[in-house]
């Protein structure tokens, strides 16, 4: 577990500015799915995006992906392969969005 905390998060708009709110992603099988950009932010470990399938169903789970720069300098989304990194970022996103409990 890392020391990521909500106080160290910087909200960003790189994906929003480059692609808009709706982002089409293509999987390894060539299937294209439209996602809605929920949030994007930077931490000391990298930049991340939270997306949700654009079905209009609030119960659809969110996807958390890492933002990297392409060779042309445009933001691209990649899967977070490191389980610990994914867990840390998912917990951080929960901390940012869920109400605090005493």
PDB file of N, CA and C in Angstrom:
ATOM      1  N   UNK A   1       0.837  -1.176   0.000  1.00  0.00           N
ATOM      2  CA  UNK A   1       0.000   0.000   0.000  1.00  0.00           C
ATOM      3  C   UNK A   1       0.881   1.238   0.000  1.00  0.00           C
ATOM      4  N   UNK A   2       0.577   2.177  -0.864  1.00  0.00           N
ATOM      5  CA  UNK A   2       1.369   3.405  -0.943  1.00  0.00           C
ATOM      6  C   UNK A   2       0.782   4.462  -0.019  1.00  0.00           C
ATOM      7  N   UNK A   3       1.426   5.601  -0.034  1.00  0.00           N
ATOM      8  CA  UNK A   3       0.973   6.713   0.804  1.00  0.00           C
ATOM      9  C   UNK A   3       0.126   7.699   0.011  1.00  0.00           C
ATOM     10  N   UNK A   4      -0.580   7.255  -1.013  1.00  0.00           N
ATOM     11  CA  UNK A   4      -1.425   8.164  -1.784  1.00  0.00           C
ATOM     12  C   UNK A   4      -2.555   8.669  -0.906  1.00  0.00           C
ATOM     13  N   UNK A   5      -2.815   9.960  -1.014  1.00  0.00           N
ATOM     14  CA  UNK A   5      -3.927  10.527  -0.262  1.00  0.00           C
ATOM     15  C   UNK A   5      -4.641  11.562  -1.125  1.00  0.00           C
ATOM     16  N   UNK A   6      -5.886  11.805  -0.777  1.00  0.00           N
ATOM     17  CA  UNK A   6      -6.701  12.747  -1.539  1.00  0.00           C
ATOM     18  C   UNK A   6      -6.088  14.140  -1.548  1.00  0.00           C
ATOM     19  N   UNK A   7      -5.359  14.478  -0.488  1.00  0.00           N
ATOM     20  CA  UNK A   7      -4.770  15.818  -0.418  1.00  0.00           C
ATOM     21  C   UNK A   7      -3.639  16.023  -1.423  1.00  0.00           C
ATOM     22  N   UNK A   8      -3.094  14.922  -1.960  1.00  0.00           N
ATOM     23  CA  UNK A   8      -1.993  15.043  -2.926  1.00  0.00           C
ATOM     24  C   UNK A   8      -2.454  14.924  -4.378  1.00  0.00           C
ATOM     25  N   UNK A   9      -3.757  14.837  -4.594  1.00  0.00           N
ATOM     26  CA  UNK A   9      -4.312  14.663  -5.937  1.00  0.00           C
ATOM     27  C   UNK A   9      -4.476  16.009  -6.627  1.00  0.00           C
ATOM     28  N   UNK A  10      -4.100  16.026  -7.900  1.00  0.00           N
ATOM     29  CA  UNK A  10      -4.329  17.216  -8.728  1.00  0.00           C
ATOM     30  C   UNK A  10      -5.310  16.815  -9.831  1.00  0.00           C
ATOM     31  N   UNK A  11      -6.473  17.432  -9.861  1.00  0.00           N
ATOM     32  CA  UNK A  11      -7.456  17.153 -10.913  1.00  0.00           C
ATOM     33  C   UNK A  11      -6.952  17.736 -12.229  1.00  0.00           C
ATOM     34  N   UNK A  12      -7.160  17.012 -13.307  1.00  0.00           N
ATOM     35  CA  UNK A  12      -6.680  17.444 -14.616  1.00  0.00           C
ATOM     36  C   UNK A  12      -7.804  17.380 -15.648  1.00  0.00           C
ATOM     37  N   UNK A  13      -7.528  17.916 -16.837  1.00  0.00           N
ATOM     38  CA  UNK A  13      -8.521  17.909 -17.925  1.00  0.00           C
ATOM     39  C   UNK A  13      -7.888  17.536 -19.267  1.00  0.00           C
ATOM     40  N   UNK A  14      -6.750  16.876 -19.245  1.00  0.00           N
ATOM     41  CA  UNK A  14      -6.059  16.556 -20.503  1.00  0.00           C
ATOM     42  C   UNK A  14      -6.916  15.699 -21.441  1.00  0.00           C
ATOM     43  N   UNK A  15      -7.521  14.640 -20.922  1.00  0.00           N
ATOM     44  CA  UNK A  15      -8.365  13.781 -21.759  1.00  0.00           C
ATOM     45  C   UNK A  15      -9.598  14.531 -22.227  1.00  0.00           C
ATOM     46  N   UNK A  16     -10.211  15.267 -21.325  1.00  0.00           N
ATOM     47  CA  UNK A  16     -11.401  16.043 -21.669  1.00  0.00           C
ATOM     48  C   UNK A  16     -11.099  16.999 -22.811  1.00  0.00           C
ATOM     49  N   UNK A  17      -9.981  17.704 -22.715  1.00  0.00           N
ATOM     50  CA  UNK A  17      -9.608  18.654 -23.767  1.00  0.00           C
ATOM     51  C   UNK A  17      -9.260  17.959 -25.072  1.00  0.00           C
ATOM     52  N   UNK A  18      -8.658  16.780 -25.003  1.00  0.00           N
ATOM     53  CA  UNK A  18      -8.231  16.072 -26.217  1.00  0.00           C
ATOM     54  C   UNK A  18      -9.368  15.305 -26.891  1.00  0.00           C
ATOM     55  N   UNK A  19     -10.276  14.714 -26.090  1.00  0.00           N
ATOM     56  CA  UNK A  19     -11.271  13.802 -26.662  1.00  0.00           C
ATOM     57  C   UNK A  19     -12.718  14.133 -26.317  1.00  0.00           C
ATOM     58  N   UNK A  20     -12.945  14.969 -25.316  1.00  0.00           N
ATOM     59  CA  UNK A  20     -14.304  15.254 -24.883  1.00  0.00           C
ATOM     60  C   UNK A  20     -14.749  14.306 -23.790  1.00  0.00           C
ATOM     61  N   UNK A  21     -16.024  14.374 -23.446  1.00  0.00           N
ATOM     62  CA  UNK A  21     -16.571  13.576 -22.350  1.00  0.00           C
ATOM     63  C   UNK A  21     -16.735  12.117 -22.741  1.00  0.00           C
ATOM     64  N   UNK A  22     -17.060  11.851 -23.994  1.00  0.00           N
ATOM     65  CA  UNK A  22     -17.241  10.480 -24.457  1.00  0.00           C
ATOM     66  C   UNK A  22     -15.975  10.014 -25.172  1.00  0.00           C
ATOM     67  N   UNK A  23     -15.483   8.848 -24.735  1.00  0.00           N
ATOM     68  CA  UNK A  23     -14.235   8.313 -25.271  1.00  0.00           C
ATOM     69  C   UNK A  23     -14.495   6.905 -25.776  1.00  0.00           C
ATOM     70  N   UNK A  24     -14.114   6.635 -27.023  1.00  0.00           N
ATOM     71  CA  UNK A  24     -14.241   5.296 -27.587  1.00  0.00           C
ATOM     72  C   UNK A  24     -12.960   4.530 -27.348  1.00  0.00           C
ATOM     73  N   UNK A  25     -13.097   3.334 -26.764  1.00  0.00           N
ATOM     74  CA  UNK A  25     -11.949   2.464 -26.537  1.00  0.00           C
ATOM     75  C   UNK A  25     -12.160   1.171 -27.308  1.00  0.00           C
ATOM     76  N   UNK A  26     -11.086   0.656 -27.876  1.00  0.00           N
ATOM     77  CA  UNK A  26     -11.132  -0.590 -28.622  1.00  0.00           C
ATOM     78  C   UNK A  26     -10.318  -1.636 -27.876  1.00  0.00           C
ATOM     79  N   UNK A  27     -10.926  -2.804 -27.619  1.00  0.00           N
ATOM     80  CA  UNK A  27     -10.223  -3.854 -26.884  1.00  0.00           C
ATOM     81  C   UNK A  27      -9.368  -4.701 -27.828  1.00  0.00           C
ATOM     82  N   UNK A  28      -8.714  -5.721 -27.277  1.00  0.00           N
ATOM     83  CA  UNK A  28      -7.809  -6.572 -28.048  1.00  0.00           C
ATOM     84  C   UNK A  28      -8.519  -7.357 -29.147  1.00  0.00           C
ATOM     85  N   UNK A  29      -9.825  -7.553 -29.013  1.00  0.00           N
ATOM     86  CA  UNK A  29     -10.601  -8.284 -30.018  1.00  0.00           C
ATOM     87  C   UNK A  29     -11.196  -7.359 -31.075  1.00  0.00           C
ATOM     88  N   UNK A  30     -10.890  -6.072 -30.988  1.00  0.00           N
ATOM     89  CA  UNK A  30     -11.391  -5.119 -31.965  1.00  0.00           C
ATOM     90  C   UNK A  30     -12.764  -4.562 -31.661  1.00  0.00           C
ATOM     91  N   UNK A  31     -13.319  -4.881 -30.489  1.00  0.00           N
ATOM     92  CA  UNK A  31     -14.628  -4.368 -30.093  1.00  0.00           C
ATOM     93  C   UNK A  31     -14.479  -2.946 -29.562  1.00  0.00           C
ATOM     94  N   UNK A  32     -15.309  -2.049 -30.058  1.00  0.00           N
ATOM     95  CA  UNK A  32     -15.274  -0.662 -29.608  1.00  0.00           C
ATOM     96  C   UNK A  32     -16.409  -0.416 -28.624  1.00  0.00           C
ATOM     97  N   UNK A  33     -16.082   0.243 -27.517  1.00  0.00           N
ATOM     98  CA  UNK A  33     -17.058   0.584 -26.494  1.00  0.00           C
ATOM     99  C   UNK A  33     -16.916   2.070 -26.171  1.00  0.00           C
ATOM    100  N   UNK A  34     -18.049   2.735 -26.007  1.00  0.00           N
ATOM    101  CA  UNK A  34     -18.039   4.150 -25.656  1.00  0.00           C
ATOM    102  C   UNK A  34     -18.110   4.276 -24.138  1.00  0.00           C
ATOM    103  N   UNK A  35     -17.200   5.086 -23.601  1.00  0.00           N
ATOM    104  CA  UNK A  35     -17.140   5.339 -22.168  1.00  0.00           C
ATOM    105  C   UNK A  35     -17.341   6.825 -21.918  1.00  0.00           C
ATOM    106  N   UNK A  36     -17.877   7.121 -20.744  1.00  0.00           N
ATOM    107  CA  UNK A  36     -18.024   8.506 -20.279  1.00  0.00           C
ATOM    108  C   UNK A  36     -16.877   8.777 -19.314  1.00  0.00           C
ATOM    109  N   UNK A  37     -16.189   9.881 -19.521  1.00  0.00           N
ATOM    110  CA  UNK A  37     -15.100  10.284 -18.642  1.00  0.00           C
ATOM    111  C   UNK A  37     -15.696  10.823 -17.348  1.00  0.00           C
ATOM    112  N   UNK A  38     -15.410  10.153 -16.248  1.00  0.00           N
ATOM    113  CA  UNK A  38     -15.948  10.538 -14.945  1.00  0.00           C
ATOM    114  C   UNK A  38     -14.986  11.474 -14.226  1.00  0.00           C
ATOM    115  N   UNK A  39     -13.702  11.136 -14.264  1.00  0.00           N
ATOM    116  CA  UNK A  39     -12.709  11.924 -13.552  1.00  0.00           C
ATOM    117  C   UNK A  39     -11.330  11.635 -14.126  1.00  0.00           C
ATOM    118  N   UNK A  40     -10.434  12.594 -14.008  1.00  0.00           N
ATOM    119  CA  UNK A  40      -9.027  12.364 -14.325  1.00  0.00           C
ATOM    120  C   UNK A  40      -8.192  13.161 -13.343  1.00  0.00           C
ATOM    121  N   UNK A  41      -7.103  12.550 -12.924  1.00  0.00           N
ATOM    122  CA  UNK A  41      -6.284  13.170 -11.889  1.00  0.00           C
ATOM    123  C   UNK A  41      -4.853  12.661 -11.948  1.00  0.00           C
ATOM    124  N   UNK A  42      -3.969  13.430 -11.321  1.00  0.00           N
ATOM    125  CA  UNK A  42      -2.559  13.061 -11.224  1.00  0.00           C
ATOM    126  C   UNK A  42      -2.195  12.865  -9.765  1.00  0.00           C
ATOM    127  N   UNK A  43      -1.290  11.927  -9.541  1.00  0.00           N
ATOM    128  CA  UNK A  43      -0.694  11.707  -8.227  1.00  0.00           C
ATOM    129  C   UNK A  43       0.807  11.637  -8.436  1.00  0.00           C
ATOM    130  N   UNK A  44       1.541  11.395  -7.370  1.00  0.00           N
ATOM    131  CA  UNK A  44       2.983  11.265  -7.521  1.00  0.00           C
ATOM    132  C   UNK A  44       3.376   9.992  -8.282  1.00  0.00           C
ATOM    133  N   UNK A  45       2.446   9.050  -8.449  1.00  0.00           N
ATOM    134  CA  UNK A  45       2.763   7.818  -9.179  1.00  0.00           C
ATOM    135  C   UNK A  45       2.345   7.856 -10.642  1.00  0.00           C
ATOM    136  N   UNK A  46       1.587   8.872 -11.051  1.00  0.00           N
ATOM    137  CA  UNK A  46       1.171   8.957 -12.447  1.00  0.00           C
ATOM    138  C   UNK A  46      -0.166   9.650 -12.605  1.00  0.00           C
ATOM    139  N   UNK A  47      -0.669   9.590 -13.838  1.00  0.00           N
ATOM    140  CA  UNK A  47      -1.964  10.197 -14.166  1.00  0.00           C
ATOM    141  C   UNK A  47      -2.958   9.080 -14.456  1.00  0.00           C
ATOM    142  N   UNK A  48      -4.209   9.287 -14.034  1.00  0.00           N
ATOM    143  CA  UNK A  48      -5.219   8.238 -14.125  1.00  0.00           C
ATOM    144  C   UNK A  48      -6.561   8.811 -14.576  1.00  0.00           C
ATOM    145  N   UNK A  49      -7.357   7.935 -15.191  1.00  0.00           N
ATOM    146  CA  UNK A  49      -8.693   8.311 -15.631  1.00  0.00           C
ATOM    147  C   UNK A  49      -9.697   7.298 -15.100  1.00  0.00           C
ATOM    148  N   UNK A  50     -10.857   7.797 -14.748  1.00  0.00           N
ATOM    149  CA  UNK A  50     -11.954   6.950 -14.311  1.00  0.00           C
ATOM    150  C   UNK A  50     -13.044   7.088 -15.373  1.00  0.00           C
ATOM    151  N   UNK A  51     -13.429   5.949 -15.958  1.00  0.00           N
ATOM    152  CA  UNK A  51     -14.428   5.938 -17.020  1.00  0.00           C
ATOM    153  C   UNK A  51     -15.539   4.962 -16.675  1.00  0.00           C
ATOM    154  N   UNK A  52     -16.706   5.185 -17.267  1.00  0.00           N
ATOM    155  CA  UNK A  52     -17.840   4.295 -17.083  1.00  0.00           C
ATOM    156  C   UNK A  52     -18.505   4.106 -18.434  1.00  0.00           C
ATOM    157  N   UNK A  53     -18.910   2.867 -18.730  1.00  0.00           N
ATOM    158  CA  UNK A  53     -19.596   2.619 -19.992  1.00  0.00           C
ATOM    159  C   UNK A  53     -20.759   3.594 -20.123  1.00  0.00           C
ATOM    160  N   UNK A  54     -20.941   4.119 -21.319  1.00  0.00           N
ATOM    161  CA  UNK A  54     -21.980   5.116 -21.556  1.00  0.00           C
ATOM    162  C   UNK A  54     -23.306   4.442 -21.883  1.00  0.00           C
ATOM    163  N   UNK A  55     -23.839   3.702 -20.901  1.00  0.00           N
ATOM    164  CA  UNK A  55     -25.115   3.022 -21.086  1.00  0.00           C
ATOM    165  C   UNK A  55     -26.257   3.758 -20.407  1.00  0.00           C
ATOM    166  N   UNK A  56     -25.898   4.729 -19.564  1.00  0.00           N
ATOM    167  CA  UNK A  56     -26.918   5.446 -18.812  1.00  0.00           C
ATOM    168  C   UNK A  56     -27.333   4.729 -17.546  1.00  0.00           C
ATOM    169  N   UNK A  57     -26.711   3.585 -17.262  1.00  0.00           N
ATOM    170  CA  UNK A  57     -27.038   2.841 -16.054  1.00  0.00           C
ATOM    171  C   UNK A  57     -26.061   3.202 -14.945  1.00  0.00           C
ATOM    172  N   UNK A  58     -26.557   3.760 -13.850  1.00  0.00           N
ATOM    173  CA  UNK A  58     -25.651   4.187 -12.776  1.00  0.00           C
ATOM    174  C   UNK A  58     -24.938   3.032 -12.088  1.00  0.00           C
ATOM    175  N   UNK A  59     -25.456   1.806 -12.231  1.00  0.00           N
ATOM    176  CA  UNK A  59     -24.827   0.676 -11.553  1.00  0.00           C
ATOM    177  C   UNK A  59     -23.644   0.092 -12.329  1.00  0.00           C
ATOM    178  N   UNK A  60     -23.389   0.584 -13.544  1.00  0.00           N
ATOM    179  CA  UNK A  60     -22.221   0.125 -14.285  1.00  0.00           C
ATOM    180  C   UNK A  60     -20.951   0.461 -13.515  1.00  0.00           C
ATOM    181  N   UNK A  61     -20.071  -0.511 -13.410  1.00  0.00           N
ATOM    182  CA  UNK A  61     -18.820  -0.292 -12.696  1.00  0.00           C
ATOM    183  C   UNK A  61     -17.931   0.667 -13.462  1.00  0.00           C
ATOM    184  N   UNK A  62     -17.058   1.339 -12.731  1.00  0.00           N
ATOM    185  CA  UNK A  62     -16.111   2.238 -13.368  1.00  0.00           C
ATOM    186  C   UNK A  62     -14.851   1.473 -13.732  1.00  0.00           C
ATOM    187  N   UNK A  63     -14.162   1.973 -14.732  1.00  0.00           N
ATOM    188  CA  UNK A  63     -12.865   1.456 -15.150  1.00  0.00           C
ATOM    189  C   UNK A  63     -11.827   2.496 -14.772  1.00  0.00           C
ATOM    190  N   UNK A  64     -10.713   2.052 -14.223  1.00  0.00           N
ATOM    191  CA  UNK A  64      -9.626   2.961 -13.886  1.00  0.00           C
ATOM    192  C   UNK A  64      -8.446   2.610 -14.781  1.00  0.00           C
ATOM    193  N   UNK A  65      -7.998   3.589 -15.548  1.00  0.00           N
ATOM    194  CA  UNK A  65      -6.909   3.382 -16.497  1.00  0.00           C
ATOM    195  C   UNK A  65      -5.823   4.419 -16.265  1.00  0.00           C
ATOM    196  N   UNK A  66      -4.628   4.094 -16.712  1.00  0.00           N
ATOM    197  CA  UNK A  66      -3.496   5.003 -16.580  1.00  0.00           C
ATOM    198  C   UNK A  66      -3.408   5.857 -17.842  1.00  0.00           C
ATOM    199  N   UNK A  67      -3.079   7.125 -17.668  1.00  0.00           N
ATOM    200  CA  UNK A  67      -2.894   8.037 -18.799  1.00  0.00           C
ATOM    201  C   UNK A  67      -1.396   8.146 -19.070  1.00  0.00           C
ATOM    202  N   UNK A  68      -1.022   7.873 -20.307  1.00  0.00           N
ATOM    203  CA  UNK A  68       0.363   8.047 -20.726  1.00  0.00           C
ATOM    204  C   UNK A  68       0.376   8.959 -21.946  1.00  0.00           C
ATOM    205  N   UNK A  69       1.544   9.428 -22.322  1.00  0.00           N
ATOM    206  CA  UNK A  69       1.671  10.249 -23.523  1.00  0.00           C
ATOM    207  C   UNK A  69       2.099   9.388 -24.696  1.00  0.00           C
ATOM    208  N   UNK A  70       1.424   9.558 -25.839  1.00  0.00           N
ATOM    209  CA  UNK A  70       1.822   8.865 -27.061  1.00  0.00           C
ATOM    210  C   UNK A  70       3.099   9.498 -27.596  1.00  0.00           C
ATOM    211  N   UNK A  71       3.663   8.912 -28.619  1.00  0.00           N
ATOM    212  CA  UNK A  71       4.871   9.479 -29.219  1.00  0.00           C
ATOM    213  C   UNK A  71       4.587  10.853 -29.822  1.00  0.00           C
ATOM    214  N   UNK A  72       3.313  11.128 -30.144  1.00  0.00           N
ATOM    215  CA  UNK A  72       2.919  12.436 -30.675  1.00  0.00           C
ATOM    216  C   UNK A  72       2.590  13.422 -29.566  1.00  0.00           C
ATOM    217  N   UNK A  73       2.654  12.979 -28.303  1.00  0.00           N
ATOM    218  CA  UNK A  73       2.379  13.864 -27.178  1.00  0.00           C
ATOM    219  C   UNK A  73       0.917  13.935 -26.769  1.00  0.00           C
ATOM    220  N   UNK A  74       0.058  13.117 -27.383  1.00  0.00           N
ATOM    221  CA  UNK A  74      -1.362  13.089 -27.008  1.00  0.00           C
ATOM    222  C   UNK A  74      -1.576  12.085 -25.881  1.00  0.00           C
ATOM    223  N   UNK A  75      -2.522  12.365 -25.005  1.00  0.00           N
ATOM    224  CA  UNK A  75      -2.783  11.408 -23.926  1.00  0.00           C
ATOM    225  C   UNK A  75      -3.416  10.128 -24.469  1.00  0.00           C
ATOM    226  N   UNK A  76      -2.962   9.001 -23.940  1.00  0.00           N
ATOM    227  CA  UNK A  76      -3.514   7.682 -24.280  1.00  0.00           C
ATOM    228  C   UNK A  76      -3.842   6.949 -22.996  1.00  0.00           C
ATOM    229  N   UNK A  77      -4.764   6.018 -23.084  1.00  0.00           N
ATOM    230  CA  UNK A  77      -5.157   5.222 -21.927  1.00  0.00           C
ATOM    231  C   UNK A  77      -4.611   3.817 -22.047  1.00  0.00           C
ATOM    232  N   UNK A  78      -4.058   3.309 -20.949  1.00  0.00           N
ATOM    233  CA  UNK A  78      -3.551   1.941 -20.899  1.00  0.00           C
ATOM    234  C   UNK A  78      -4.036   1.280 -19.621  1.00  0.00           C
ATOM    235  N   UNK A  79      -4.108  -0.030 -19.655  1.00  0.00           N
ATOM    236  CA  UNK A  79      -4.485  -0.803 -18.484  1.00  0.00           C
ATOM    237  C   UNK A  79      -3.396  -0.706 -17.427  1.00  0.00           C
ATOM    238  N   UNK A  80      -3.796  -0.650 -16.180  1.00  0.00           N
ATOM    239  CA  UNK A  80      -2.837  -0.670 -15.073  1.00  0.00           C
ATOM    240  C   UNK A  80      -2.520  -2.141 -14.803  1.00  0.00           C
ATOM    241  N   UNK A  81      -1.318  -2.569 -15.178  1.00  0.00           N
ATOM    242  CA  UNK A  81      -0.937  -3.971 -15.051  1.00  0.00           C
ATOM    243  C   UNK A  81      -0.501  -4.363 -13.643  1.00  0.00           C
ATOM    244  N   UNK A  82       0.015  -3.407 -12.893  1.00  0.00           N
ATOM    245  CA  UNK A  82       0.498  -3.688 -11.549  1.00  0.00           C
ATOM    246  C   UNK A  82      -0.682  -3.713 -10.580  1.00  0.00           C
ATOM    247  N   UNK A  83      -0.927  -4.856  -9.948  1.00  0.00           N
ATOM    248  CA  UNK A  83      -2.075  -5.010  -9.045  1.00  0.00           C
ATOM    249  C   UNK A  83      -2.028  -4.048  -7.871  1.00  0.00           C
ATOM    250  N   UNK A  84      -0.840  -3.836  -7.304  1.00  0.00           N
ATOM    251  CA  UNK A  84      -0.714  -2.920  -6.167  1.00  0.00           C
ATOM    252  C   UNK A  84      -1.028  -1.484  -6.580  1.00  0.00           C
ATOM    253  N   UNK A  85      -0.528  -1.080  -7.747  1.00  0.00           N
ATOM    254  CA  UNK A  85      -0.806   0.277  -8.239  1.00  0.00           C
ATOM    255  C   UNK A  85      -2.307   0.444  -8.463  1.00  0.00           C
ATOM    256  N   UNK A  86      -2.950  -0.556  -9.090  1.00  0.00           N
ATOM    257  CA  UNK A  86      -4.383  -0.478  -9.351  1.00  0.00           C
ATOM    258  C   UNK A  86      -5.156  -0.360  -8.037  1.00  0.00           C
ATOM    259  N   UNK A  87      -4.803  -1.183  -7.060  1.00  0.00           N
ATOM    260  CA  UNK A  87      -5.484  -1.162  -5.766  1.00  0.00           C
ATOM    261  C   UNK A  87      -5.326   0.198  -5.084  1.00  0.00           C
ATOM    262  N   UNK A  88      -4.109   0.750  -5.119  1.00  0.00           N
ATOM    263  CA  UNK A  88      -3.861   2.054  -4.509  1.00  0.00           C
ATOM    264  C   UNK A  88      -4.698   3.146  -5.162  1.00  0.00           C
ATOM    265  N   UNK A  89      -4.757   3.140  -6.489  1.00  0.00           N
ATOM    266  CA  UNK A  89      -5.503   4.177  -7.203  1.00  0.00           C
ATOM    267  C   UNK A  89      -7.009   3.996  -6.996  1.00  0.00           C
ATOM    268  N   UNK A  90      -7.475   2.757  -6.979  1.00  0.00           N
ATOM    269  CA  UNK A  90      -8.899   2.497  -6.735  1.00  0.00           C
ATOM    270  C   UNK A  90      -9.302   2.977  -5.338  1.00  0.00           C
ATOM    271  N   UNK A  91      -8.468   2.700  -4.341  1.00  0.00           N
ATOM    272  CA  UNK A  91      -8.761   3.164  -2.985  1.00  0.00           C
ATOM    273  C   UNK A  91      -8.727   4.688  -2.915  1.00  0.00           C
ATOM    274  N   UNK A  92      -7.795   5.295  -3.628  1.00  0.00           N
ATOM    275  CA  UNK A  92      -7.721   6.752  -3.660  1.00  0.00           C
ATOM    276  C   UNK A  92      -8.978   7.336  -4.297  1.00  0.00           C
ATOM    277  N   UNK A  93      -9.436   6.756  -5.392  1.00  0.00           N
ATOM    278  CA  UNK A  93     -10.655   7.235  -6.040  1.00  0.00           C
ATOM    279  C   UNK A  93     -11.851   7.101  -5.085  1.00  0.00           C
ATOM    280  N   UNK A  94     -11.923   5.983  -4.369  1.00  0.00           N
ATOM    281  CA  UNK A  94     -12.990   5.813  -3.383  1.00  0.00           C
ATOM    282  C   UNK A  94     -12.926   6.912  -2.329  1.00  0.00           C
ATOM    283  N   UNK A  95     -11.712   7.214  -1.877  1.00  0.00           N
ATOM    284  CA  UNK A  95     -11.533   8.255  -0.876  1.00  0.00           C
ATOM    285  C   UNK A  95     -12.001   9.613  -1.408  1.00  0.00           C
ATOM    286  N   UNK A  96     -11.780   9.854  -2.702  1.00  0.00           N
ATOM    287  CA  UNK A  96     -12.180  11.121  -3.298  1.00  0.00           C
ATOM    288  C   UNK A  96     -13.686  11.235  -3.485  1.00  0.00           C
ATOM    289  N   UNK A  97     -14.372  10.112  -3.645  1.00  0.00           N
ATOM    290  CA  UNK A  97     -15.782  10.172  -4.027  1.00  0.00           C
ATOM    291  C   UNK A  97     -16.765   9.711  -2.963  1.00  0.00           C
ATOM    292  N   UNK A  98     -16.322   8.902  -2.019  1.00  0.00           N
ATOM    293  CA  UNK A  98     -17.258   8.380  -1.020  1.00  0.00           C
ATOM    294  C   UNK A  98     -17.251   9.264   0.219  1.00  0.00           C
ATOM    295  N   UNK A  99     -18.398   9.425   0.845  1.00  0.00           N
ATOM    296  CA  UNK A  99     -18.448  10.243   2.065  1.00  0.00           C
ATOM    297  C   UNK A  99     -17.651   9.577   3.180  1.00  0.00           C
ATOM    298  N   UNK A 100     -17.090  10.399   4.034  1.00  0.00           N
ATOM    299  CA  UNK A 100     -16.331   9.889   5.172  1.00  0.00           C
ATOM    300  C   UNK A 100     -17.280   9.311   6.205  1.00  0.00           C
ATOM    301  N   UNK A 101     -16.825   8.219   6.823  1.00  0.00           N
ATOM    302  CA  UNK A 101     -17.616   7.621   7.907  1.00  0.00           C
ATOM    303  C   UNK A 101     -16.843   7.784   9.202  1.00  0.00           C
ATOM    304  N   UNK A 102     -17.548   8.115  10.270  1.00  0.00           N
ATOM    305  CA  UNK A 102     -16.898   8.259  11.586  1.00  0.00           C
ATOM    306  C   UNK A 102     -16.912   6.964  12.327  1.00  0.00           C
TER     307      UNK A 102
END
